[in-house]
Amino acid sequence: MEYRQLGRTDIKVSVIGLGTMTFGEQNTEAEGHAQLDYALDHGVNLIDTAEMYSVPPRAETYGSTERIIGAWLKRSGKRDKIVLATKVAGPTHVLKIDHVRGGKTGLDRKNILAAVEGSLQRLQTDYVDLYQLHWPDRSTNFFGRMGYRHMEDEQSVPVEETLDALTDLVASGKVRHIGLSNETPWGLHQFLRVAEQRKLARIVSIQNPYNLLNRTFEVGLAEMAIRERVGLLAYSPLAFGMLSGKFLNGARPPEARVVRFPRFSRYNGDIAERTTAAYVDIARRHAFDPSQMALAFVNRQRFLTSNLIGATTLAQLKTNLGSAELKLSDEVMQAIEAVHRAQANPCP
């Protein structure tokens, strides 16, 4: 397993990280613990979760993923073996989660402090290594939204207040480092600018979607990630399983997330399927597993810190972890780029 520096910190994280949002919905506690054990045994040290998980967010399962991880930490005694990342939920006008703090979520001091205390209790730990803002406190382009629409008089929490609260958490020892998620180049710049001007905690990572069907991170944010050393934690690297090829030719495995929960439609549609078929064809011509090829493409990016894989079975997890050993030749990369030029970012 390869390890990469987390921002400007002294922490190194595995190039493959374990995403856990299925724990508590598609995976039982026992299955989640088995995934954690297997991942650690194979070199993974970054574990990512969020207060909102499991997904899809429901009142009945709120915090269940963190509780499952917390129970594993207590049983295994391996807190010092992992880099633990979690997130505070953004405002509910973006994503309806009325069951979280009475629907009054946001990135103000009160919410951040309440959220971190809840996460620490569920995770059964006294600190998290990376505390992330799950989505911005303002209306902008994320979760697949296209076409920026500016809201002149929108009320949002100032970056200064958010960073002040996060800096206090770092000073208290409850949080070691801070990161963003679903953020734009402008947003990342604002956090870096305010941190420098006011000598506050500095962002060390940005967790955004990145995969063969959605390479929009390369425009604007890739340069920021490299020059500012705020590396990408890539989520949805398999585009909700689409890039495995399991949905081609009309197939709809009943256990799949996008089949069980139709709301997850970001990577669906005819164009997505045609483009996926082209990528799967490249993989098969070179005797690659399609999932491993798609993940290996993400792994090779210079702006990447860690590739957050998710799985519902140990077999999937084993396959995904195998991508860490796969190196793509120039011939394969040329074929991938040809498909991208023909149909760039069909699922932004």
Protein backbone atom coordinates (compact mmCIF):
# COMPACT_ATOMS: atom_id res chain seq x y z
CA MET A 1 0.00 0.00 0.00
CA GLU A 2 1.25 3.47 -0.88
CA TYR A 3 0.95 6.28 1.68
CA ARG A 4 0.69 9.99 0.94
CA GLN A 5 1.07 13.13 3.03
CA LEU A 6 -2.12 14.66 4.37
CA GLY A 7 -1.75 18.31 3.42
CA ARG A 8 1.14 19.98 5.23
CA THR A 9 0.75 17.73 8.26
CA ASP A 10 3.04 14.97 9.48
CA ILE A 11 0.29 12.38 8.88
CA LYS A 12 0.52 9.86 6.06
CA VAL A 13 -2.63 8.18 4.81
CA SER A 14 -3.13 5.15 2.59
CA VAL A 15 -3.79 5.89 -1.07
CA ILE A 16 -6.91 3.75 -0.61
CA GLY A 17 -9.20 4.90 2.19
CA LEU A 18 -12.34 3.17 3.44
CA GLY A 19 -15.64 4.97 3.02
CA THR A 20 -18.27 3.70 5.45
CA MET A 21 -21.62 5.28 4.60
CA THR A 22 -23.20 1.87 3.95
CA PHE A 23 -22.66 0.82 7.58
CA GLY A 24 -26.04 0.77 9.32
CA GLU A 25 -28.13 0.64 6.14
CA GLN A 26 -26.73 -1.77 3.55
CA ASN A 27 -24.24 -3.31 5.97
CA THR A 28 -24.87 -4.65 9.46
CA GLU A 29 -22.55 -3.88 12.37
CA ALA A 30 -20.89 -7.29 12.00
CA GLU A 31 -20.33 -6.70 8.28
CA GLY A 32 -18.95 -3.24 8.96
CA HIS A 33 -16.52 -4.62 11.54
CA ALA A 34 -15.40 -7.31 9.09
CA GLN A 35 -14.69 -4.63 6.47
CA LEU A 36 -12.70 -2.57 8.96
CA ASP A 37 -10.64 -5.59 10.01
CA TYR A 38 -9.96 -6.59 6.41
CA ALA A 39 -9.06 -3.08 5.30
CA LEU A 40 -6.58 -2.57 8.14
CA ASP A 41 -5.03 -5.97 7.54
CA HIS A 42 -4.35 -4.87 3.95
CA GLY A 43 -2.75 -1.52 4.71
CA VAL A 44 -5.67 0.90 4.83
CA ASN A 45 -5.35 3.44 7.63
CA LEU A 46 -7.81 6.20 6.60
CA ILE A 47 -11.41 5.61 7.71
CA ASP A 48 -13.97 8.19 6.59
CA THR A 49 -17.45 8.74 7.99
CA ALA A 50 -19.91 11.55 8.82
CA GLU A 51 -22.45 12.41 11.48
CA MET A 52 -25.19 12.20 8.82
CA TYR A 53 -24.43 8.58 7.85
CA SER A 54 -25.69 6.02 7.06
CA VAL A 55 -26.93 6.88 3.58
CA PRO A 56 -29.59 7.60 2.49
CA PRO A 57 -30.03 9.83 5.56
CA ARG A 58 -32.98 8.82 7.72
CA ALA A 59 -33.92 9.63 11.29
CA GLU A 60 -33.88 5.93 12.13
CA THR A 61 -30.25 5.50 11.07
CA TYR A 62 -28.79 8.90 11.97
CA GLY A 63 -25.33 8.40 13.47
CA SER A 64 -25.43 4.63 12.98
CA THR A 65 -22.22 4.52 10.94
CA GLU A 66 -20.26 6.37 13.62
CA ARG A 67 -21.72 4.09 16.30
CA ILE A 68 -20.63 1.00 14.36
CA ILE A 69 -17.12 2.38 13.99
CA GLY A 70 -17.10 3.34 17.67
CA ALA A 71 -18.04 -0.19 18.70
CA TRP A 72 -15.23 -1.52 16.49
CA LEU A 73 -12.73 0.88 18.04
CA LYS A 74 -13.73 -0.25 21.52
CA ARG A 75 -13.52 -3.95 20.58
CA SER A 76 -10.32 -3.79 18.56
CA GLY A 77 -8.34 -1.25 20.56
CA LYS A 78 -6.86 0.02 17.28
CA ARG A 79 -7.59 3.72 17.60
CA ASP A 80 -3.89 4.53 17.21
CA LYS A 81 -3.71 2.46 14.01
CA ILE A 82 -6.14 4.59 12.00
CA VAL A 83 -6.58 8.12 10.74
CA LEU A 84 -10.22 8.81 11.61
CA ALA A 85 -12.16 11.35 9.55
CA THR A 86 -15.72 12.53 10.05
CA LYS A 87 -17.90 15.48 8.99
CA VAL A 88 -20.35 18.04 10.33
CA ALA A 89 -23.57 18.42 8.34
CA GLY A 90 -24.19 21.63 6.42
CA PRO A 91 -27.45 23.61 6.29
CA THR A 92 -30.74 21.82 5.73
CA HIS A 93 -31.95 24.11 2.95
CA VAL A 94 -29.51 22.20 0.73
CA LEU A 95 -30.20 18.66 1.93
CA LYS A 96 -33.33 17.86 3.94
CA ILE A 97 -32.16 16.35 7.22
CA ASP A 98 -34.74 17.70 9.64
CA HIS A 99 -33.88 14.91 12.08
CA VAL A 100 -30.42 16.39 12.75
CA ARG A 101 -30.50 19.00 15.52
CA GLY A 102 -34.14 19.77 14.76
CA GLY A 103 -33.37 20.74 11.19
CA LYS A 104 -31.26 23.68 12.32
CA THR A 105 -27.90 22.49 11.05
CA GLY A 106 -25.24 24.76 9.61
CA LEU A 107 -21.61 25.70 9.95
CA ASP A 108 -21.97 28.19 12.79
CA ARG A 109 -20.09 27.78 16.07
CA LYS A 110 -23.06 26.31 17.98
CA ASN A 111 -23.71 23.59 15.41
CA ILE A 112 -20.08 22.67 14.92
CA LEU A 113 -19.45 22.29 18.65
CA ALA A 114 -22.64 20.25 19.14
CA ALA A 115 -21.85 18.06 16.13
CA VAL A 116 -18.31 17.22 17.18
CA GLU A 117 -19.42 16.25 20.68
CA GLY A 118 -22.03 13.90 19.23
CA SER A 119 -19.52 12.36 16.86
CA LEU A 120 -16.93 11.83 19.59
CA GLN A 121 -19.51 10.11 21.78
CA ARG A 122 -20.70 7.79 19.01
CA LEU A 123 -17.15 7.04 17.86
CA GLN A 124 -16.07 6.32 21.45
CA THR A 125 -12.92 8.41 21.09
CA ASP A 126 -11.71 11.71 22.49
CA TYR A 127 -10.41 13.10 19.19
CA VAL A 128 -10.78 12.85 15.42
CA ASP A 129 -7.81 13.21 13.10
CA LEU A 130 -9.68 15.03 10.34
CA TYR A 131 -12.88 17.03 10.85
CA GLN A 132 -14.57 18.07 7.60
CA LEU A 133 -17.39 20.42 6.57
CA HIS A 134 -19.75 18.09 4.71
CA TRP A 135 -21.03 20.75 2.32
CA PRO A 136 -20.86 24.56 2.09
CA ASP A 137 -23.08 26.87 4.10
CA ARG A 138 -23.96 28.78 0.94
CA SER A 139 -25.82 27.86 -2.23
CA THR A 140 -23.29 26.90 -4.88
CA ASN A 141 -22.38 24.06 -7.25
CA PHE A 142 -22.15 20.67 -5.53
CA PHE A 143 -24.08 17.37 -5.37
CA GLY A 144 -24.31 17.49 -9.18
CA ARG A 145 -25.85 20.94 -9.44
CA MET A 146 -25.03 22.63 -12.75
CA GLY A 147 -25.29 26.27 -13.75
CA TYR A 148 -24.22 28.61 -10.96
CA ARG A 149 -27.06 30.84 -9.76
CA HIS A 150 -25.92 33.63 -7.51
CA MET A 151 -28.08 34.56 -4.50
CA GLU A 152 -27.23 38.17 -3.68
CA ASP A 153 -28.91 38.42 -0.28
CA GLU A 154 -28.42 34.83 0.92
CA GLN A 155 -27.79 34.49 4.64
CA SER A 156 -24.87 32.15 5.27
CA VAL A 157 -22.40 31.67 8.09
CA PRO A 158 -19.22 33.69 7.52
CA VAL A 159 -16.07 31.69 6.87
CA GLU A 160 -14.47 33.55 9.78
CA GLU A 161 -16.99 32.14 12.29
CA THR A 162 -16.64 28.61 10.96
CA LEU A 163 -12.85 28.71 11.04
CA ASP A 164 -12.80 30.28 14.50
CA ALA A 165 -14.84 27.37 15.86
CA LEU A 166 -12.73 24.76 14.07
CA THR A 167 -9.52 26.40 15.30
CA ASP A 168 -10.78 26.22 18.87
CA LEU A 169 -11.47 22.51 18.40
CA VAL A 170 -7.92 22.01 17.16
CA ALA A 171 -6.56 23.94 20.14
CA SER A 172 -8.64 21.80 22.50
CA GLY A 173 -7.23 18.57 21.06
CA LYS A 174 -10.64 17.24 20.02
CA VAL A 175 -9.70 17.71 16.35
CA ARG A 176 -6.21 17.36 14.88
CA HIS A 177 -6.81 18.81 11.41
CA ILE A 178 -9.66 20.20 9.31
CA GLY A 179 -10.92 19.68 5.78
CA LEU A 180 -13.63 20.66 3.31
CA SER A 181 -16.04 18.58 1.25
CA ASN A 182 -18.16 19.31 -1.83
CA GLU A 183 -16.38 22.65 -2.13
CA THR A 184 -15.56 24.93 -5.07
CA PRO A 185 -12.30 26.71 -5.99
CA TRP A 186 -13.69 29.98 -4.63
CA GLY A 187 -14.71 28.35 -1.35
CA LEU A 188 -11.34 26.67 -0.87
CA HIS A 189 -9.59 29.96 -1.61
CA GLN A 190 -11.71 31.78 0.97
CA PHE A 191 -10.86 29.29 3.72
CA LEU A 192 -7.16 29.47 2.91
CA ARG A 193 -7.19 33.27 2.73
CA VAL A 194 -8.99 33.74 6.05
CA ALA A 195 -6.76 31.18 7.77
CA GLU A 196 -3.63 33.00 6.61
CA GLN A 197 -4.91 36.47 7.46
CA ARG A 198 -6.17 35.56 10.91
CA LYS A 199 -3.66 32.83 11.81
CA LEU A 200 -6.37 30.18 12.09
CA ALA A 201 -6.35 26.44 11.40
CA ARG A 202 -5.50 25.63 7.78
CA ILE A 203 -7.49 23.30 5.53
CA VAL A 204 -5.50 20.12 4.76
CA SER A 205 -7.84 18.25 2.38
CA ILE A 206 -10.91 18.52 0.18
CA GLN A 207 -13.32 15.60 -0.28
CA ASN A 208 -15.11 15.87 -3.63
CA PRO A 209 -16.39 13.41 -6.23
CA TYR A 210 -13.89 12.22 -8.82
CA ASN A 211 -14.17 9.35 -11.28
CA LEU A 212 -14.02 8.55 -14.99
CA LEU A 213 -17.55 9.91 -15.49
CA ASN A 214 -16.91 13.07 -13.49
CA ARG A 215 -13.47 14.65 -13.83
CA THR A 216 -14.62 18.20 -13.11
CA PHE A 217 -12.17 18.39 -10.17
CA GLU A 218 -9.43 18.74 -12.77
CA VAL A 219 -10.76 22.19 -13.73
CA GLY A 220 -9.67 24.70 -11.10
CA LEU A 221 -9.44 22.51 -8.03
CA ALA A 222 -6.62 20.24 -9.22
CA GLU A 223 -4.20 23.15 -9.46
CA MET A 224 -5.33 24.45 -6.07
CA ALA A 225 -4.86 21.00 -4.53
CA ILE A 226 -1.28 20.68 -5.76
CA ARG A 227 -0.05 24.25 -5.28
CA GLU A 228 -1.69 24.71 -1.86
CA ARG A 229 -1.10 21.12 -0.71
CA VAL A 230 -4.78 20.53 -0.04
CA GLY A 231 -5.12 17.10 -1.60
CA LEU A 232 -8.26 15.40 -2.84
CA LEU A 233 -10.03 12.69 -0.88
CA ALA A 234 -11.96 11.27 -3.82
CA TYR A 235 -15.47 10.00 -3.14
CA SER A 236 -17.66 8.01 -5.54
CA PRO A 237 -14.58 6.79 -7.46
CA LEU A 238 -16.72 4.07 -9.06
CA ALA A 239 -19.66 6.42 -9.72
CA PHE A 240 -21.99 4.52 -7.36
CA GLY A 241 -20.86 1.24 -8.91
CA MET A 242 -21.62 2.26 -12.49
CA LEU A 243 -17.97 1.91 -13.58
CA SER A 244 -17.89 -1.73 -12.46
CA GLY A 245 -20.04 -2.44 -15.50
CA LYS A 246 -22.70 -4.20 -13.45
CA PHE A 247 -25.49 -1.95 -14.76
CA LEU A 248 -24.76 -2.37 -18.45
CA ASN A 249 -27.33 -3.82 -20.87
CA GLY A 250 -30.19 -2.97 -18.56
CA ALA A 251 -28.94 -5.03 -15.61
CA ARG A 252 -30.31 -3.93 -12.26
CA PRO A 253 -28.88 -6.01 -9.38
CA PRO A 254 -31.49 -5.76 -6.61
CA GLU A 255 -28.87 -5.29 -3.88
CA ALA A 256 -27.25 -2.29 -5.59
CA ARG A 257 -27.63 1.11 -3.92
CA VAL A 258 -28.99 2.86 -7.03
CA VAL A 259 -31.62 0.13 -7.42
CA ARG A 260 -32.66 0.11 -3.76
CA PHE A 261 -32.65 3.91 -3.54
CA PRO A 262 -33.72 5.51 -6.86
CA ARG A 263 -32.90 8.98 -5.51
CA PHE A 264 -29.25 8.26 -6.36
CA SER A 265 -29.55 9.11 -10.04
CA ARG A 266 -26.40 11.17 -10.59
CA TYR A 267 -24.62 8.46 -12.57
CA ASN A 268 -27.63 7.05 -14.41
CA GLY A 269 -28.82 7.67 -17.96
CA ASP A 270 -28.07 6.65 -21.51
CA ILE A 271 -24.96 8.80 -21.93
CA ALA A 272 -23.49 7.51 -18.68
CA GLU A 273 -24.12 3.90 -19.74
CA ARG A 274 -22.63 4.37 -23.21
CA THR A 275 -19.54 6.05 -21.79
CA THR A 276 -19.19 3.39 -19.12
CA ALA A 277 -19.44 0.67 -21.77
CA ALA A 278 -16.49 2.27 -23.57
CA TYR A 279 -14.39 2.26 -20.41
CA VAL A 280 -15.38 -1.32 -19.57
CA ASP A 281 -14.37 -2.34 -23.09
CA ILE A 282 -10.89 -0.87 -22.52
CA ALA A 283 -10.57 -2.82 -19.28
CA ARG A 284 -11.61 -6.10 -20.83
CA ARG A 285 -9.31 -5.67 -23.83
CA HIS A 286 -6.41 -5.38 -21.40
CA ALA A 287 -7.63 -8.15 -19.08
CA PHE A 288 -8.37 -5.75 -16.23
CA ASP A 289 -11.23 -5.85 -13.81
CA PRO A 290 -13.29 -2.73 -14.78
CA SER A 291 -13.55 -1.57 -11.16
CA GLN A 292 -9.81 -1.89 -10.63
CA MET A 293 -9.03 0.04 -13.80
CA ALA A 294 -11.39 2.86 -12.83
CA LEU A 295 -9.89 3.06 -9.35
CA ALA A 296 -6.31 2.83 -10.65
CA PHE A 297 -7.04 5.86 -12.82
CA VAL A 298 -7.99 7.82 -9.71
CA ASN A 299 -5.02 6.49 -7.71
CA ARG A 300 -2.48 7.77 -10.24
CA GLN A 301 -3.53 11.43 -10.02
CA ARG A 302 -0.93 13.75 -8.52
CA PHE A 303 -3.60 15.86 -6.79
CA LEU A 304 -5.02 12.81 -4.99
CA THR A 305 -4.29 12.16 -1.33
CA SER A 306 -6.61 9.17 -0.85
CA ASN A 307 -9.22 7.31 -2.89
CA LEU A 308 -12.25 6.54 -0.70
CA ILE A 309 -13.66 3.21 -1.74
CA GLY A 310 -16.94 1.80 -0.48
CA ALA A 311 -18.14 -1.78 -0.57
CA THR A 312 -21.10 -3.82 0.61
CA THR A 313 -19.28 -7.17 0.51
CA LEU A 314 -15.80 -8.36 1.39
CA ALA A 315 -15.43 -9.61 -2.18
CA GLN A 316 -15.99 -6.08 -3.50
CA LEU A 317 -13.60 -4.70 -0.91
CA LYS A 318 -10.90 -7.18 -1.94
CA THR A 319 -11.31 -6.25 -5.60
CA ASN A 320 -11.20 -2.54 -4.87
CA LEU A 321 -8.11 -2.83 -2.69
CA GLY A 322 -6.39 -4.65 -5.53
CA SER A 323 -6.41 -1.43 -7.53
CA ALA A 324 -3.54 -0.16 -5.38
CA GLU A 325 -1.25 -2.59 -7.20
CA LEU A 326 -2.49 -1.85 -10.72
CA LYS A 327 -0.44 0.50 -12.90
CA LEU A 328 -1.97 1.76 -16.13
CA SER A 329 0.25 1.81 -19.22
CA ASP A 330 0.51 4.73 -21.62
CA GLU A 331 -1.55 2.72 -24.10
CA VAL A 332 -4.40 2.30 -21.58
CA MET A 333 -4.24 5.97 -20.61
CA GLN A 334 -4.42 7.04 -24.25
CA ALA A 335 -7.52 4.88 -24.72
CA ILE A 336 -9.11 6.37 -21.59
CA GLU A 337 -8.36 9.91 -22.75
CA ALA A 338 -9.88 9.18 -26.15
CA VAL A 339 -13.17 8.21 -24.50
CA HIS A 340 -13.00 11.29 -22.30
CA ARG A 341 -12.49 13.59 -25.29
CA ALA A 342 -15.46 12.03 -27.06
CA GLN A 343 -17.75 12.40 -24.01
CA ALA A 344 -16.21 14.51 -21.25
CA ASN A 345 -17.81 14.46 -17.82
CA PRO A 346 -21.21 12.95 -18.66
CA CYS A 347 -22.13 12.95 -14.96
CA PRO A 348 -20.79 16.16 -13.33
